[in-house]
Amino acid sequence: MVAERLPSPVVAGLALVGVAAAVLVGHDGLDTVVGCGIPSDGYASQTAEDWVTGADHVVVARPTAEQDTNRRDFTKGAIQYQTDRKVTFHTDKVLWSSQRPRHSLGEGFDMVAAGWNVYRDGGKRTKRTTAAAPRLEPGHTYLLALRWSDDQWVVLGEGAAVPFDDATVGRGEWCGRTLSEDDVARGERFSLPDDQSLEKTANGQGEQTITRQLQQAATPTRTKSP
């Protein structure tokens, strides 16, 4: 399926009912990316409270290798087969861990991520993407809220996989494209006004902001005695 080009102004993170989310590709226009639509999270993933409630670890990590996995062949249609990718990460830093994690985390870990469409005519490979989230590609760094589920690591949802190149929230790969934190900030103008996700409130900032918000969310609120 070929991406459509829509007129300016350009935005990142635009989501419309029945239309894939838009991915910023520069000041020339807007490309829609198949699969980058409205997400359905496995676990709540938007706020710091969601992260400390559902995650086992919050890490800064970068993919170091990938390989195709879970090939699915089709007898009809333009696509001959699809794959996922097994992505190997290096854990650069652990920002927060649950007091009782479901599984320990070492210096490296694997996750399954979106892979490729391979077309019958000519064998062209195109990126498959996850709804409104990074694709998780080598050459980039990510902030990930990880949960051990069904004997594997997963992120809580789209709000728990955040571009983090140069230790900056919102800078890096998103939906298969490379964005800056300014790109993301412009896109946020079109998001829901009550969106108070951790990714949005910390956009353009560093790990200290994330760590502080996680610590605050993990600290029980004490009610003062009368």
Protein backbone atom coordinates (compact mmCIF):
# COMPACT_ATOMS: atom_id res chain seq x y z
CA MET A 1 0.00 0.00 0.00
CA VAL A 2 1.42 3.36 -1.01
CA ALA A 3 1.58 6.19 1.52
CA GLU A 4 -0.61 9.19 0.73
CA ARG A 5 0.75 12.73 0.73
CA LEU A 6 -1.46 15.34 2.37
CA PRO A 7 -1.12 19.12 2.23
CA SER A 8 0.73 21.23 4.80
CA PRO A 9 0.82 22.21 7.62
CA VAL A 10 2.90 19.27 8.77
CA VAL A 11 2.32 17.68 12.16
CA ALA A 12 3.46 14.58 14.03
CA GLY A 13 1.10 12.41 16.00
CA LEU A 14 -2.11 13.53 14.26
CA ALA A 15 -4.85 10.91 14.62
CA LEU A 16 -8.24 11.02 12.94
CA VAL A 17 -11.07 8.48 13.14
CA GLY A 18 -10.61 5.95 10.36
CA VAL A 19 -7.35 7.51 9.20
CA ALA A 20 -3.83 6.37 10.04
CA ALA A 21 -1.82 8.61 12.34
CA ALA A 22 0.39 11.02 10.46
CA VAL A 23 4.18 10.94 10.58
CA LEU A 24 6.19 14.11 10.16
CA VAL A 25 8.62 13.91 7.27
CA GLY A 26 9.85 17.48 7.05
CA HIS A 27 8.42 20.79 5.99
CA ASP A 28 7.22 19.51 2.62
CA GLY A 29 4.14 17.67 3.75
CA LEU A 30 2.69 14.73 5.61
CA ASP A 31 3.03 11.01 4.88
CA THR A 32 0.71 8.45 6.40
CA VAL A 33 2.35 5.18 7.38
CA VAL A 34 0.39 1.94 7.29
CA GLY A 35 0.01 0.60 10.83
CA CYS A 36 0.60 3.91 12.59
CA GLY A 37 -3.03 4.36 13.49
CA ILE A 38 -4.89 4.62 16.77
CA PRO A 39 -3.29 2.14 19.19
CA SER A 40 -4.82 -0.47 21.44
CA ASP A 41 -2.51 -0.98 24.43
CA GLY A 42 -2.03 -4.26 26.20
CA TYR A 43 -1.53 -2.35 29.46
CA ALA A 44 -2.10 1.26 30.49
CA SER A 45 0.98 3.15 29.33
CA GLN A 46 0.41 6.90 29.25
CA THR A 47 1.31 8.33 32.65
CA ALA A 48 4.10 7.89 35.19
CA GLU A 49 1.50 6.20 37.41
CA ASP A 50 0.78 3.72 34.61
CA TRP A 51 4.48 2.94 34.26
CA VAL A 52 5.16 2.27 37.93
CA THR A 53 1.93 0.27 38.23
CA GLY A 54 2.38 -1.98 35.21
CA ALA A 55 6.10 -2.15 34.44
CA ASP A 56 8.86 -4.26 35.95
CA HIS A 57 11.65 -1.97 34.76
CA VAL A 58 12.02 1.38 33.00
CA VAL A 59 15.19 1.48 30.95
CA VAL A 60 17.21 3.44 28.46
CA ALA A 61 18.12 0.89 25.79
CA ARG A 62 19.33 0.65 22.21
CA PRO A 63 18.89 -2.10 19.62
CA THR A 64 22.15 -3.78 18.69
CA ALA A 65 20.90 -6.52 16.34
CA GLU A 66 17.76 -7.75 14.63
CA GLN A 67 16.64 -10.82 12.72
CA ASP A 68 13.45 -11.84 10.94
CA THR A 69 11.09 -14.10 12.82
CA ASN A 70 7.49 -15.36 12.68
CA ARG A 71 7.23 -15.46 8.87
CA ARG A 72 3.66 -15.62 7.54
CA ASP A 73 3.16 -16.61 3.88
CA PHE A 74 0.17 -15.61 1.74
CA THR A 75 -1.10 -17.45 -1.33
CA LYS A 76 -2.99 -14.45 -2.72
CA GLY A 77 -2.52 -10.71 -2.90
CA ALA A 78 0.37 -8.35 -3.51
CA ILE A 79 2.23 -9.33 -0.32
CA GLN A 80 4.03 -12.66 -0.53
CA TYR A 81 4.86 -12.83 3.16
CA GLN A 82 5.21 -10.80 6.35
CA THR A 83 7.71 -11.09 9.17
CA ASP A 84 8.25 -9.77 12.66
CA ARG A 85 11.74 -8.93 13.98
CA LYS A 86 13.51 -10.26 17.05
CA VAL A 87 15.35 -7.17 18.27
CA THR A 88 18.27 -7.50 20.68
CA PHE A 89 18.76 -4.52 23.01
CA HIS A 90 21.63 -3.34 25.16
CA THR A 91 20.47 -1.94 28.51
CA ASP A 92 22.27 1.39 28.79
CA LYS A 93 20.66 2.39 32.09
CA VAL A 94 17.88 1.27 34.43
CA LEU A 95 15.93 4.34 35.57
CA TRP A 96 13.43 2.51 37.78
CA SER A 97 12.56 -1.02 38.87
CA SER A 98 9.61 -2.46 40.72
CA GLN A 99 10.26 -3.64 44.25
CA ARG A 100 8.98 -7.03 43.10
CA PRO A 101 9.76 -7.39 39.38
CA ARG A 102 8.31 -10.39 37.58
CA HIS A 103 11.71 -11.06 36.00
CA SER A 104 15.25 -9.77 36.38
CA LEU A 105 16.83 -7.71 33.61
CA GLY A 106 20.41 -8.11 32.46
CA GLU A 107 22.72 -6.06 30.27
CA GLY A 108 20.83 -7.25 27.22
CA PHE A 109 17.34 -8.47 26.35
CA ASP A 110 15.22 -9.40 23.33
CA MET A 111 11.81 -8.20 22.20
CA VAL A 112 9.64 -8.97 19.20
CA ALA A 113 8.89 -5.90 17.09
CA ALA A 114 7.17 -5.11 13.81
CA GLY A 115 9.06 -6.47 10.80
CA TRP A 116 8.57 -6.37 7.05
CA ASN A 117 6.10 -6.78 4.20
CA VAL A 118 7.71 -8.58 1.28
CA TYR A 119 5.93 -8.10 -2.04
CA ARG A 120 5.36 -10.86 -4.55
CA ASP A 121 6.37 -8.69 -7.49
CA GLY A 122 10.13 -8.14 -7.28
CA GLY A 123 10.54 -9.05 -3.60
CA LYS A 124 10.45 -5.44 -2.38
CA ARG A 125 10.60 -5.13 1.41
CA THR A 126 8.70 -2.36 3.19
CA LYS A 127 8.58 -1.55 6.88
CA ARG A 128 5.74 -2.80 9.03
CA THR A 129 4.95 -0.54 11.98
CA THR A 130 3.16 -0.61 15.30
CA ALA A 131 0.29 1.79 15.96
CA ALA A 132 1.55 5.27 16.94
CA ALA A 133 4.86 4.02 18.35
CA PRO A 134 8.53 3.56 17.49
CA ARG A 135 9.43 0.63 15.29
CA LEU A 136 12.53 -0.02 17.45
CA GLU A 137 15.40 0.21 14.98
CA PRO A 138 19.19 -0.15 15.37
CA GLY A 139 20.96 3.19 15.38
CA HIS A 140 18.49 4.76 17.80
CA THR A 141 17.96 4.87 21.57
CA TYR A 142 14.67 4.39 23.40
CA LEU A 143 13.05 4.88 26.78
CA LEU A 144 11.08 1.72 27.49
CA ALA A 145 8.68 0.69 30.26
CA LEU A 146 9.10 -3.11 30.19
CA ARG A 147 6.84 -5.83 31.53
CA TRP A 148 7.53 -9.56 31.64
CA SER A 149 4.47 -11.17 30.03
CA ASP A 150 4.02 -14.69 28.65
CA ASP A 151 7.72 -15.46 29.09
CA GLN A 152 8.94 -12.47 27.10
CA TRP A 153 9.61 -8.76 27.46
CA VAL A 154 6.98 -6.36 26.11
CA VAL A 155 6.40 -2.64 26.48
CA LEU A 156 3.22 -1.65 28.29
CA GLY A 157 1.83 0.07 25.19
CA GLU A 158 2.49 2.83 22.69
CA GLY A 159 3.03 5.41 25.43
CA ALA A 160 5.77 3.28 27.01
CA ALA A 161 8.14 3.20 24.02
CA VAL A 162 9.60 6.68 23.64
CA PRO A 163 12.28 7.98 21.22
CA PHE A 164 15.33 8.96 23.29
CA ASP A 165 18.24 9.76 20.98
CA ASP A 166 20.88 12.01 22.55
CA ALA A 167 19.19 11.40 25.95
CA THR A 168 16.29 13.63 24.87
CA VAL A 169 12.62 12.63 25.14
CA GLY A 170 10.90 12.81 21.75
CA ARG A 171 14.07 12.80 19.64
CA GLY A 172 14.67 9.82 17.39
CA GLU A 173 12.79 7.10 15.55
CA TRP A 174 9.00 7.03 15.60
CA CYS A 175 6.88 4.86 13.32
CA GLY A 176 9.88 4.21 11.10
CA ARG A 177 10.84 7.88 10.64
CA THR A 178 13.38 10.04 12.46
CA LEU A 179 11.84 13.03 14.29
CA SER A 180 13.13 15.81 16.51
CA GLU A 181 11.57 16.85 19.80
CA ASP A 182 10.42 20.03 18.03
CA ASP A 183 8.59 17.94 15.44
CA VAL A 184 6.79 16.11 18.23
CA ALA A 185 5.97 19.34 20.06
CA ARG A 186 4.34 20.75 16.91
CA GLY A 187 2.31 17.58 16.56
CA GLU A 188 1.15 17.77 20.16
CA ARG A 189 -0.74 20.98 19.33
CA PHE A 190 -3.19 18.76 17.45
CA SER A 191 -3.49 16.09 20.15
CA LEU A 192 -6.20 15.89 22.76
CA PRO A 193 -6.04 18.93 25.08
CA ASP A 194 -6.32 16.73 28.18
CA ASP A 195 -3.39 14.53 27.11
CA GLN A 196 -1.06 14.47 30.11
CA SER A 197 1.03 11.51 29.04
CA LEU A 198 4.55 11.21 30.38
CA GLU A 199 5.90 11.33 26.84
CA LYS A 200 4.15 14.67 26.23
CA THR A 201 4.94 16.37 29.54
CA ALA A 202 8.63 15.36 29.37
CA ASN A 203 9.13 16.11 25.69
CA GLY A 204 12.52 17.68 24.99
CA GLN A 205 13.84 16.88 28.47
CA GLY A 206 16.27 14.32 29.84
CA GLU A 207 16.33 11.29 32.08
CA GLN A 208 16.27 13.30 35.32
CA THR A 209 12.75 14.47 34.51
CA ILE A 210 11.62 10.91 33.84
CA THR A 211 13.27 9.56 37.00
CA ARG A 212 11.75 12.32 39.13
CA GLN A 213 8.24 11.69 37.80
CA LEU A 214 8.56 7.94 38.30
CA GLN A 215 9.79 8.39 41.87
CA GLN A 216 6.92 10.76 42.62
CA ALA A 217 4.41 8.33 41.13
CA ALA A 218 5.85 5.43 43.14
CA THR A 219 5.74 7.31 46.44
CA PRO A 220 2.53 6.64 48.38
CA THR A 221 0.50 9.75 49.20
CA ARG A 222 0.35 10.26 52.93
CA THR A 223 -2.81 11.77 54.35
CA LYS A 224 -2.11 14.27 57.10
CA SER A 225 -3.64 13.57 60.51
CA PRO A 226 -6.37 16.00 61.57
